[in-house]
């Protein structure tokens, strides 16, 4: 099974590019982040015509995540239990820990009216999960994740980001403890550079915009690996997955590697190959991120 993950930076602006990525890489599943649209605005038709089911969640022009699958789409979840919410007025809150798989509209494209319960602060559209491959009898639970940008030290978003990662760790740790043989893939835009070589100038990021490579962020992200998950996308050739639109970052190759995929202990032995689609950053109208693709022999 071949699975791609991509911060597309607006699905409506890049529908044709998404179709091209699906075709070029012969993807079974595509996980999208930063779709920037409500469910009723998502361009479902061209993907359904190509044989893909679509599940998405989005609340406004910001954030938004989606799953496209041609190998089945079941048990759709619009957030992970414990996922924190955020608002400037209310700070960081935590989602109720019930499962939304049976929520109205969860069997296909998520409705804008799908109930999402929360306490303290509203949830943003940053996580969507589903079981794919069920039709083949070789299923994987996939999550498309858009981790908050910490913005700056002491910014409320920074603490929001750390809580998001810590609560995600708690959730997957619980899932694996209950069912060690579950095959789970966590993929998306993590907004963190795990290693110094994942940014074009580590001193620049530490001194000026340290929130991509701070000790606290890296420690929180390392917690995912401590549950037994493996960052399989590290095996891909190429270095970066993101180049800012400003200051000619792409022509100068001044990028960052902040998009990647983690597989659970039961899934990792089935991993075969990974790629970074650097060419997708070229040309007019490109996203500032590129797809990351991983493949498993199920």
C-alpha atoms as a PDB file:
ATOM      1  CA  UNK A   1       0.000   0.000   0.000  1.00  0.00           C
ATOM      2  CA  UNK A   2       1.353   3.390  -0.988  1.00  0.00           C
ATOM      3  CA  UNK A   3       0.380   6.369   1.179  1.00  0.00           C
ATOM      4  CA  UNK A   4       1.185  10.033   0.619  1.00  0.00           C
ATOM      5  CA  UNK A   5       1.006  12.936   3.053  1.00  0.00           C
ATOM      6  CA  UNK A   6       0.990  16.557   1.944  1.00  0.00           C
ATOM      7  CA  UNK A   7       0.337  20.007   3.362  1.00  0.00           C
ATOM      8  CA  UNK A   8      -1.380  21.238   0.217  1.00  0.00           C
ATOM      9  CA  UNK A   9      -1.940  24.819   1.425  1.00  0.00           C
ATOM     10  CA  UNK A  10      -5.497  25.024  -0.013  1.00  0.00           C
ATOM     11  CA  UNK A  11      -7.146  22.114  -1.794  1.00  0.00           C
ATOM     12  CA  UNK A  12      -9.343  24.426  -3.858  1.00  0.00           C
ATOM     13  CA  UNK A  13      -6.304  26.245  -5.228  1.00  0.00           C
ATOM     14  CA  UNK A  14      -4.454  23.004  -5.977  1.00  0.00           C
ATOM     15  CA  UNK A  15      -7.048  20.403  -6.939  1.00  0.00           C
ATOM     16  CA  UNK A  16      -5.302  19.601 -10.217  1.00  0.00           C
ATOM     17  CA  UNK A  17      -1.946  19.297  -8.477  1.00  0.00           C
ATOM     18  CA  UNK A  18      -3.475  16.835  -6.009  1.00  0.00           C
ATOM     19  CA  UNK A  19      -4.852  14.800  -8.908  1.00  0.00           C
ATOM     20  CA  UNK A  20      -1.420  14.819 -10.535  1.00  0.00           C
ATOM     21  CA  UNK A  21       0.234  13.609  -7.320  1.00  0.00           C
ATOM     22  CA  UNK A  22      -2.266  10.762  -7.005  1.00  0.00           C
ATOM     23  CA  UNK A  23      -1.602   9.698 -10.596  1.00  0.00           C
ATOM     24  CA  UNK A  24       2.152  10.249 -10.631  1.00  0.00           C
ATOM     25  CA  UNK A  25       2.768   8.223  -7.504  1.00  0.00           C
ATOM     26  CA  UNK A  26      -0.084   5.735  -7.966  1.00  0.00           C
ATOM     27  CA  UNK A  27      -1.231   6.430  -4.421  1.00  0.00           C
ATOM     28  CA  UNK A  28      -3.736   4.277  -2.597  1.00  0.00           C
ATOM     29  CA  UNK A  29      -4.200   6.900   0.121  1.00  0.00           C
ATOM     30  CA  UNK A  30      -3.429  10.617   0.322  1.00  0.00           C
ATOM     31  CA  UNK A  31      -3.447  12.458   3.649  1.00  0.00           C
ATOM     32  CA  UNK A  32      -3.862  16.211   3.281  1.00  0.00           C
ATOM     33  CA  UNK A  33      -3.253  19.077   5.676  1.00  0.00           C
ATOM     34  CA  UNK A  34      -4.128  22.764   5.554  1.00  0.00           C
ATOM     35  CA  UNK A  35      -6.989  22.189   3.130  1.00  0.00           C
ATOM     36  CA  UNK A  36      -8.400  25.617   4.079  1.00  0.00           C
ATOM     37  CA  UNK A  37     -12.078  24.917   3.440  1.00  0.00           C
ATOM     38  CA  UNK A  38     -15.273  23.726   5.039  1.00  0.00           C
ATOM     39  CA  UNK A  39     -16.453  20.209   4.119  1.00  0.00           C
ATOM     40  CA  UNK A  40     -19.125  21.516   1.763  1.00  0.00           C
ATOM     41  CA  UNK A  41     -16.434  23.501  -0.083  1.00  0.00           C
ATOM     42  CA  UNK A  42     -14.090  20.547  -0.609  1.00  0.00           C
ATOM     43  CA  UNK A  43     -13.852  19.587  -4.323  1.00  0.00           C
ATOM     44  CA  UNK A  44     -14.961  15.995  -3.805  1.00  0.00           C
ATOM     45  CA  UNK A  45     -16.238  15.225  -7.326  1.00  0.00           C
ATOM     46  CA  UNK A  46     -12.957  14.920  -9.278  1.00  0.00           C
ATOM     47  CA  UNK A  47     -11.506  12.567  -6.680  1.00  0.00           C
ATOM     48  CA  UNK A  48     -14.601  10.400  -6.514  1.00  0.00           C
ATOM     49  CA  UNK A  49     -14.556  10.177 -10.300  1.00  0.00           C
ATOM     50  CA  UNK A  50     -10.994   8.860 -10.020  1.00  0.00           C
ATOM     51  CA  UNK A  51     -12.122   6.167  -7.575  1.00  0.00           C
ATOM     52  CA  UNK A  52     -11.245   7.801  -4.254  1.00  0.00           C
ATOM     53  CA  UNK A  53     -13.482   8.194  -1.225  1.00  0.00           C
ATOM     54  CA  UNK A  54     -13.049  11.452   0.669  1.00  0.00           C
ATOM     55  CA  UNK A  55     -13.290  12.285   4.360  1.00  0.00           C
ATOM     56  CA  UNK A  56     -12.507  15.798   5.516  1.00  0.00           C
ATOM     57  CA  UNK A  57     -12.991  18.254   8.308  1.00  0.00           C
ATOM     58  CA  UNK A  58     -12.530  22.005   8.162  1.00  0.00           C
ATOM     59  CA  UNK A  59     -14.086  24.889  10.019  1.00  0.00           C
ATOM     60  CA  UNK A  60     -12.984  27.953   8.082  1.00  0.00           C
ATOM     61  CA  UNK A  61     -10.241  29.220   5.791  1.00  0.00           C
ATOM     62  CA  UNK A  62      -7.543  28.030   8.196  1.00  0.00           C
ATOM     63  CA  UNK A  63      -6.291  24.539   9.014  1.00  0.00           C
ATOM     64  CA  UNK A  64      -8.341  21.609   7.691  1.00  0.00           C
ATOM     65  CA  UNK A  65      -7.351  17.959   7.150  1.00  0.00           C
ATOM     66  CA  UNK A  66      -8.551  15.221   4.821  1.00  0.00           C
ATOM     67  CA  UNK A  67      -8.099  11.590   3.784  1.00  0.00           C
ATOM     68  CA  UNK A  68      -8.492  10.354   0.203  1.00  0.00           C
ATOM     69  CA  UNK A  69      -8.579   6.567  -0.241  1.00  0.00           C
ATOM     70  CA  UNK A  70      -9.233   4.119  -3.065  1.00  0.00           C
ATOM     71  CA  UNK A  71      -8.898   1.124  -0.717  1.00  0.00           C
ATOM     72  CA  UNK A  72     -11.829   1.791   1.584  1.00  0.00           C
ATOM     73  CA  UNK A  73     -12.541   4.398   4.231  1.00  0.00           C
ATOM     74  CA  UNK A  74     -14.043   3.259   7.514  1.00  0.00           C
ATOM     75  CA  UNK A  75     -14.188   4.226  11.188  1.00  0.00           C
ATOM     76  CA  UNK A  76     -13.686   7.923  10.487  1.00  0.00           C
ATOM     77  CA  UNK A  77     -12.703  10.023  13.493  1.00  0.00           C
ATOM     78  CA  UNK A  78     -12.643  13.797  13.446  1.00  0.00           C
ATOM     79  CA  UNK A  79     -10.183  14.172  16.321  1.00  0.00           C
ATOM     80  CA  UNK A  80      -8.148  11.971  18.640  1.00  0.00           C
ATOM     81  CA  UNK A  81      -9.338  11.549  22.244  1.00  0.00           C
ATOM     82  CA  UNK A  82      -7.695  14.191  24.382  1.00  0.00           C
ATOM     83  CA  UNK A  83      -6.941  16.487  21.448  1.00  0.00           C
ATOM     84  CA  UNK A  84      -6.696  20.029  22.818  1.00  0.00           C
ATOM     85  CA  UNK A  85      -8.715  22.915  21.485  1.00  0.00           C
ATOM     86  CA  UNK A  86      -7.645  26.533  21.378  1.00  0.00           C
ATOM     87  CA  UNK A  87      -9.022  30.040  21.516  1.00  0.00           C
ATOM     88  CA  UNK A  88      -7.363  33.328  22.382  1.00  0.00           C
ATOM     89  CA  UNK A  89     -10.078  34.020  24.929  1.00  0.00           C
ATOM     90  CA  UNK A  90     -10.241  30.586  26.561  1.00  0.00           C
ATOM     91  CA  UNK A  91      -6.705  29.298  26.142  1.00  0.00           C
ATOM     92  CA  UNK A  92      -6.156  25.587  25.612  1.00  0.00           C
ATOM     93  CA  UNK A  93      -8.931  23.086  26.271  1.00  0.00           C
ATOM     94  CA  UNK A  94      -9.184  19.311  25.864  1.00  0.00           C
ATOM     95  CA  UNK A  95     -11.624  17.355  23.723  1.00  0.00           C
ATOM     96  CA  UNK A  96     -13.937  14.875  25.381  1.00  0.00           C
ATOM     97  CA  UNK A  97     -12.543  11.372  25.031  1.00  0.00           C
ATOM     98  CA  UNK A  98     -15.449   9.719  23.232  1.00  0.00           C
ATOM     99  CA  UNK A  99     -15.075   8.386  19.687  1.00  0.00           C
ATOM    100  CA  UNK A 100     -16.801  10.267  16.857  1.00  0.00           C
ATOM    101  CA  UNK A 101     -16.812   7.347  14.419  1.00  0.00           C
ATOM    102  CA  UNK A 102     -20.605   7.080  14.635  1.00  0.00           C
ATOM    103  CA  UNK A 103     -21.250  10.806  14.354  1.00  0.00           C
ATOM    104  CA  UNK A 104     -23.659  11.933  11.618  1.00  0.00           C
ATOM    105  CA  UNK A 105     -21.822  12.338   8.345  1.00  0.00           C
ATOM    106  CA  UNK A 106     -18.777  10.384   9.486  1.00  0.00           C
ATOM    107  CA  UNK A 107     -19.265   7.623   6.912  1.00  0.00           C
ATOM    108  CA  UNK A 108     -18.060   9.869   4.103  1.00  0.00           C
ATOM    109  CA  UNK A 109     -17.327  13.580   3.890  1.00  0.00           C
ATOM    110  CA  UNK A 110     -17.681  15.083   7.353  1.00  0.00           C
ATOM    111  CA  UNK A 111     -20.602  17.465   7.579  1.00  0.00           C
ATOM    112  CA  UNK A 112     -20.138  20.980   8.872  1.00  0.00           C
ATOM    113  CA  UNK A 113     -22.825  20.140  11.432  1.00  0.00           C
ATOM    114  CA  UNK A 114     -21.127  16.981  12.729  1.00  0.00           C
ATOM    115  CA  UNK A 115     -21.154  17.319  16.524  1.00  0.00           C
ATOM    116  CA  UNK A 116     -17.712  17.729  18.026  1.00  0.00           C
ATOM    117  CA  UNK A 117     -17.834  17.984  21.799  1.00  0.00           C
ATOM    118  CA  UNK A 118     -15.157  19.870  23.695  1.00  0.00           C
ATOM    119  CA  UNK A 119     -14.507  21.498  27.007  1.00  0.00           C
ATOM    120  CA  UNK A 120     -12.932  24.884  27.712  1.00  0.00           C
ATOM    121  CA  UNK A 121     -11.852  25.752  24.153  1.00  0.00           C
ATOM    122  CA  UNK A 122     -13.090  24.815  20.662  1.00  0.00           C
ATOM    123  CA  UNK A 123     -11.262  22.254  18.571  1.00  0.00           C
ATOM    124  CA  UNK A 124      -9.458  23.250  15.421  1.00  0.00           C
ATOM    125  CA  UNK A 125      -9.507  20.988  12.352  1.00  0.00           C
ATOM    126  CA  UNK A 126      -6.076  19.446  12.890  1.00  0.00           C
ATOM    127  CA  UNK A 127      -6.610  15.679  12.985  1.00  0.00           C
ATOM    128  CA  UNK A 128      -8.664  13.153  11.083  1.00  0.00           C
ATOM    129  CA  UNK A 129      -8.308   9.389  11.281  1.00  0.00           C
ATOM    130  CA  UNK A 130      -9.772   6.431   9.416  1.00  0.00           C
ATOM    131  CA  UNK A 131      -9.209   2.762   8.662  1.00  0.00           C
ATOM    132  CA  UNK A 132      -8.085   2.119   5.088  1.00  0.00           C
ATOM    133  CA  UNK A 133      -7.465  -1.129   3.253  1.00  0.00           C
ATOM    134  CA  UNK A 134     -10.399  -2.875   4.870  1.00  0.00           C
ATOM    135  CA  UNK A 135     -11.714  -3.883   1.466  1.00  0.00           C
ATOM    136  CA  UNK A 136      -8.491  -5.801   0.819  1.00  0.00           C
ATOM    137  CA  UNK A 137      -8.426  -7.395   4.251  1.00  0.00           C
ATOM    138  CA  UNK A 138      -5.129  -5.655   5.033  1.00  0.00           C
ATOM    139  CA  UNK A 139      -6.098  -2.565   6.952  1.00  0.00           C
ATOM    140  CA  UNK A 140      -4.137   0.345   8.415  1.00  0.00           C
ATOM    141  CA  UNK A 141      -5.413   3.038  10.743  1.00  0.00           C
ATOM    142  CA  UNK A 142      -4.159   6.328   9.301  1.00  0.00           C
ATOM    143  CA  UNK A 143      -4.117   9.795  10.827  1.00  0.00           C
ATOM    144  CA  UNK A 144      -3.661  13.038   8.910  1.00  0.00           C
ATOM    145  CA  UNK A 145      -2.192  15.514  11.399  1.00  0.00           C
ATOM    146  CA  UNK A 146      -1.561  19.237  11.232  1.00  0.00           C
ATOM    147  CA  UNK A 147       0.390  20.085  14.382  1.00  0.00           C
ATOM    148  CA  UNK A 148       0.009  23.700  15.551  1.00  0.00           C
ATOM    149  CA  UNK A 149       2.731  26.207  14.747  1.00  0.00           C
ATOM    150  CA  UNK A 150       4.214  27.377  18.040  1.00  0.00           C
ATOM    151  CA  UNK A 151       4.862  30.887  16.680  1.00  0.00           C
ATOM    152  CA  UNK A 152       7.226  32.012  19.449  1.00  0.00           C
ATOM    153  CA  UNK A 153       8.326  31.217  22.986  1.00  0.00           C
ATOM    154  CA  UNK A 154       5.700  32.154  25.566  1.00  0.00           C
ATOM    155  CA  UNK A 155       3.063  32.527  22.859  1.00  0.00           C
ATOM    156  CA  UNK A 156      -0.152  30.646  23.800  1.00  0.00           C
ATOM    157  CA  UNK A 157       0.211  28.678  20.549  1.00  0.00           C
ATOM    158  CA  UNK A 158       3.552  27.326  21.770  1.00  0.00           C
ATOM    159  CA  UNK A 159       1.943  25.717  24.815  1.00  0.00           C
ATOM    160  CA  UNK A 160      -0.953  24.586  22.637  1.00  0.00           C
ATOM    161  CA  UNK A 161       1.519  22.821  20.348  1.00  0.00           C
ATOM    162  CA  UNK A 162       3.261  21.042  23.223  1.00  0.00           C
ATOM    163  CA  UNK A 163      -0.034  19.908  24.686  1.00  0.00           C
ATOM    164  CA  UNK A 164      -1.200  18.667  21.284  1.00  0.00           C
ATOM    165  CA  UNK A 165       1.905  16.477  20.962  1.00  0.00           C
ATOM    166  CA  UNK A 166       1.841  15.254  24.558  1.00  0.00           C
ATOM    167  CA  UNK A 167      -1.828  14.318  24.350  1.00  0.00           C
ATOM    168  CA  UNK A 168      -1.270  12.587  21.004  1.00  0.00           C
ATOM    169  CA  UNK A 169       1.422  10.503  22.639  1.00  0.00           C
ATOM    170  CA  UNK A 170      -0.922   9.567  25.474  1.00  0.00           C
ATOM    171  CA  UNK A 171      -3.573   8.518  22.978  1.00  0.00           C
ATOM    172  CA  UNK A 172      -1.373   6.301  20.792  1.00  0.00           C
ATOM    173  CA  UNK A 173       0.351   4.813  23.833  1.00  0.00           C
ATOM    174  CA  UNK A 174      -3.052   3.751  25.097  1.00  0.00           C
ATOM    175  CA  UNK A 175      -4.070   2.348  21.703  1.00  0.00           C
ATOM    176  CA  UNK A 176      -0.936   0.219  21.370  1.00  0.00           C
ATOM    177  CA  UNK A 177      -1.163  -0.970  24.969  1.00  0.00           C
ATOM    178  CA  UNK A 178      -4.688  -2.226  24.312  1.00  0.00           C
ATOM    179  CA  UNK A 179      -3.928  -3.761  20.917  1.00  0.00           C
ATOM    180  CA  UNK A 180      -0.182  -4.205  20.205  1.00  0.00           C
ATOM    181  CA  UNK A 181      -0.789  -5.668  16.730  1.00  0.00           C
ATOM    182  CA  UNK A 182      -2.643  -2.632  15.409  1.00  0.00           C
ATOM    183  CA  UNK A 183      -1.132  -1.128  12.292  1.00  0.00           C
ATOM    184  CA  UNK A 184      -1.192   2.669  12.676  1.00  0.00           C
ATOM    185  CA  UNK A 185       0.355   5.432  10.574  1.00  0.00           C
ATOM    186  CA  UNK A 186       0.663   9.006  11.851  1.00  0.00           C
ATOM    187  CA  UNK A 187       1.577  11.420   9.063  1.00  0.00           C
ATOM    188  CA  UNK A 188       1.378  15.108   8.364  1.00  0.00           C
ATOM    189  CA  UNK A 189       2.904  18.513   8.943  1.00  0.00           C
ATOM    190  CA  UNK A 190       4.504  18.398  12.384  1.00  0.00           C
ATOM    191  CA  UNK A 191       5.957  21.926  12.358  1.00  0.00           C
ATOM    192  CA  UNK A 192       9.112  20.647  14.068  1.00  0.00           C
ATOM    193  CA  UNK A 193      12.605  19.893  12.781  1.00  0.00           C
ATOM    194  CA  UNK A 194      13.668  16.843  14.831  1.00  0.00           C
ATOM    195  CA  UNK A 195      17.378  17.079  13.990  1.00  0.00           C
ATOM    196  CA  UNK A 196      19.789  19.927  13.300  1.00  0.00           C
ATOM    197  CA  UNK A 197      20.291  18.823   9.694  1.00  0.00           C
ATOM    198  CA  UNK A 198      16.552  19.178   9.092  1.00  0.00           C
ATOM    199  CA  UNK A 199      16.909  22.951   8.700  1.00  0.00           C
ATOM    200  CA  UNK A 200      19.122  24.919   6.367  1.00  0.00           C
ATOM    201  CA  UNK A 201      20.729  26.948   9.168  1.00  0.00           C
ATOM    202  CA  UNK A 202      20.287  25.672  12.708  1.00  0.00           C
ATOM    203  CA  UNK A 203      21.769  28.816  14.266  1.00  0.00           C
ATOM    204  CA  UNK A 204      19.188  30.965  12.487  1.00  0.00           C
ATOM    205  CA  UNK A 205      16.360  28.852  13.848  1.00  0.00           C
ATOM    206  CA  UNK A 206      17.733  28.652  17.366  1.00  0.00           C
ATOM    207  CA  UNK A 207      18.462  32.345  17.660  1.00  0.00           C
ATOM    208  CA  UNK A 208      15.619  33.925  15.705  1.00  0.00           C
ATOM    209  CA  UNK A 209      12.725  31.518  15.319  1.00  0.00           C
ATOM    210  CA  UNK A 210      13.555  28.755  17.754  1.00  0.00           C
ATOM    211  CA  UNK A 211      10.038  27.395  17.923  1.00  0.00           C
ATOM    212  CA  UNK A 212      10.755  24.925  15.090  1.00  0.00           C
ATOM    213  CA  UNK A 213      13.769  23.368  16.786  1.00  0.00           C
ATOM    214  CA  UNK A 214      13.439  24.086  20.498  1.00  0.00           C
ATOM    215  CA  UNK A 215      14.371  21.506  23.102  1.00  0.00           C
ATOM    216  CA  UNK A 216      10.789  21.394  24.398  1.00  0.00           C
ATOM    217  CA  UNK A 217       9.313  20.718  20.963  1.00  0.00           C
ATOM    218  CA  UNK A 218      11.859  18.063  20.109  1.00  0.00           C
ATOM    219  CA  UNK A 219      11.296  16.382  23.458  1.00  0.00           C
ATOM    220  CA  UNK A 220       7.541  16.340  22.895  1.00  0.00           C
ATOM    221  CA  UNK A 221       7.998  14.889  19.417  1.00  0.00           C
ATOM    222  CA  UNK A 222      10.464  12.289  20.687  1.00  0.00           C
ATOM    223  CA  UNK A 223       7.643  11.051  22.874  1.00  0.00           C
ATOM    224  CA  UNK A 224       6.011   9.594  19.766  1.00  0.00           C
ATOM    225  CA  UNK A 225       9.064   7.400  19.163  1.00  0.00           C
ATOM    226  CA  UNK A 226       9.151   6.425  22.824  1.00  0.00           C
ATOM    227  CA  UNK A 227       5.799   4.695  22.358  1.00  0.00           C
ATOM    228  CA  UNK A 228       7.452   2.377  19.819  1.00  0.00           C
ATOM    229  CA  UNK A 229       6.566   4.295  16.656  1.00  0.00           C
ATOM    230  CA  UNK A 230       9.265   4.668  13.972  1.00  0.00           C
ATOM    231  CA  UNK A 231       9.769   7.661  11.690  1.00  0.00           C
ATOM    232  CA  UNK A 232       9.855   5.666   8.451  1.00  0.00           C
ATOM    233  CA  UNK A 233       9.923   8.753   6.215  1.00  0.00           C
ATOM    234  CA  UNK A 234      13.477   9.399   7.440  1.00  0.00           C
ATOM    235  CA  UNK A 235      14.514   6.770   4.870  1.00  0.00           C
ATOM    236  CA  UNK A 236      13.488   8.989   1.940  1.00  0.00           C
ATOM    237  CA  UNK A 237      16.140  10.466  -0.315  1.00  0.00           C
ATOM    238  CA  UNK A 238      16.281  14.237  -0.139  1.00  0.00           C
ATOM    239  CA  UNK A 239      16.442  16.599   2.770  1.00  0.00           C
ATOM    240  CA  UNK A 240      13.649  19.134   3.009  1.00  0.00           C
ATOM    241  CA  UNK A 241       9.855  19.091   2.705  1.00  0.00           C
ATOM    242  CA  UNK A 242       9.131  22.815   3.118  1.00  0.00           C
ATOM    243  CA  UNK A 243      10.522  25.995   1.578  1.00  0.00           C
ATOM    244  CA  UNK A 244       9.037  29.369   2.516  1.00  0.00           C
ATOM    245  CA  UNK A 245       7.636  31.487  -0.309  1.00  0.00           C
ATOM    246  CA  UNK A 246       9.682  34.453   0.899  1.00  0.00           C
ATOM    247  CA  UNK A 247      13.315  35.392   0.152  1.00  0.00           C
ATOM    248  CA  UNK A 248      13.785  32.863  -2.675  1.00  0.00           C
ATOM    249  CA  UNK A 249      14.064  30.040  -0.156  1.00  0.00           C
ATOM    250  CA  UNK A 250      13.385  27.299  -2.725  1.00  0.00           C
ATOM    251  CA  UNK A 251      15.891  28.412  -5.405  1.00  0.00           C
ATOM    252  CA  UNK A 252      18.485  28.755  -2.637  1.00  0.00           C
ATOM    253  CA  UNK A 253      17.429  25.387  -1.164  1.00  0.00           C
ATOM    254  CA  UNK A 254      16.949  27.014   2.230  1.00  0.00           C
ATOM    255  CA  UNK A 255      14.324  24.603   3.450  1.00  0.00           C
ATOM    256  CA  UNK A 256      13.169  22.539   6.397  1.00  0.00           C
ATOM    257  CA  UNK A 257      12.121  18.946   6.932  1.00  0.00           C
ATOM    258  CA  UNK A 258       8.983  19.203   9.031  1.00  0.00           C
ATOM    259  CA  UNK A 259       6.641  16.727   7.280  1.00  0.00           C
ATOM    260  CA  UNK A 260       7.006  13.035   8.058  1.00  0.00           C
ATOM    261  CA  UNK A 261       5.335   9.721   8.874  1.00  0.00           C
ATOM    262  CA  UNK A 262       5.494   7.452  11.927  1.00  0.00           C
ATOM    263  CA  UNK A 263       4.487   3.778  11.857  1.00  0.00           C
ATOM    264  CA  UNK A 264       3.431   1.633  14.802  1.00  0.00           C
ATOM    265  CA  UNK A 265       5.499  -1.378  15.953  1.00  0.00           C
ATOM    266  CA  UNK A 266       3.274  -3.804  14.042  1.00  0.00           C
ATOM    267  CA  UNK A 267       3.430  -1.751  10.825  1.00  0.00           C
ATOM    268  CA  UNK A 268       7.128  -0.838  10.746  1.00  0.00           C
ATOM    269  CA  UNK A 269       8.403  -4.301   9.684  1.00  0.00           C
ATOM    270  CA  UNK A 270       6.192  -4.021   6.582  1.00  0.00           C
ATOM    271  CA  UNK A 271       7.779  -0.739   5.457  1.00  0.00           C
ATOM    272  CA  UNK A 272       9.544  -0.937   2.084  1.00  0.00           C
ATOM    273  CA  UNK A 273      10.375   2.540   0.780  1.00  0.00           C
ATOM    274  CA  UNK A 274       9.883   6.304   1.184  1.00  0.00           C
ATOM    275  CA  UNK A 275      10.153   9.294  -1.125  1.00  0.00           C
ATOM    276  CA  UNK A 276      10.080  13.097  -0.954  1.00  0.00           C
ATOM    277  CA  UNK A 277       8.487  14.627  -4.060  1.00  0.00           C
ATOM    278  CA  UNK A 278      10.734  17.678  -4.315  1.00  0.00           C
ATOM    279  CA  UNK A 279       9.686  18.394  -7.904  1.00  0.00           C
ATOM    280  CA  UNK A 280       6.188  19.256  -6.673  1.00  0.00           C
ATOM    281  CA  UNK A 281       7.607  22.487  -5.211  1.00  0.00           C
ATOM    282  CA  UNK A 282       8.549  23.693  -8.705  1.00  0.00           C
ATOM    283  CA  UNK A 283       6.457  25.848 -10.993  1.00  0.00           C
ATOM    284  CA  UNK A 284       3.766  28.447 -10.562  1.00  0.00           C
ATOM    285  CA  UNK A 285       1.106  27.819  -7.944  1.00  0.00           C
ATOM    286  CA  UNK A 286       3.019  25.237  -5.908  1.00  0.00           C
ATOM    287  CA  UNK A 287       2.385  24.636  -2.229  1.00  0.00           C
ATOM    288  CA  UNK A 288       5.251  25.595   0.057  1.00  0.00           C
ATOM    289  CA  UNK A 289       5.326  21.945   1.218  1.00  0.00           C
ATOM    290  CA  UNK A 290       5.894  18.809  -0.874  1.00  0.00           C
ATOM    291  CA  UNK A 291       4.377  15.330  -0.574  1.00  0.00           C
ATOM    292  CA  UNK A 292       6.034  12.632   1.508  1.00  0.00           C
ATOM    293  CA  UNK A 293       5.268   9.093   0.328  1.00  0.00           C
ATOM    294  CA  UNK A 294       5.691   5.818   2.214  1.00  0.00           C
ATOM    295  CA  UNK A 295       5.038   2.265   1.053  1.00  0.00           C
ATOM    296  CA  UNK A 296       4.218  -0.928   2.945  1.00  0.00           C
ATOM    297  CA  UNK A 297       4.120  -4.550   1.802  1.00  0.00           C
ATOM    298  CA  UNK A 298       0.927  -5.821   3.376  1.00  0.00           C
END
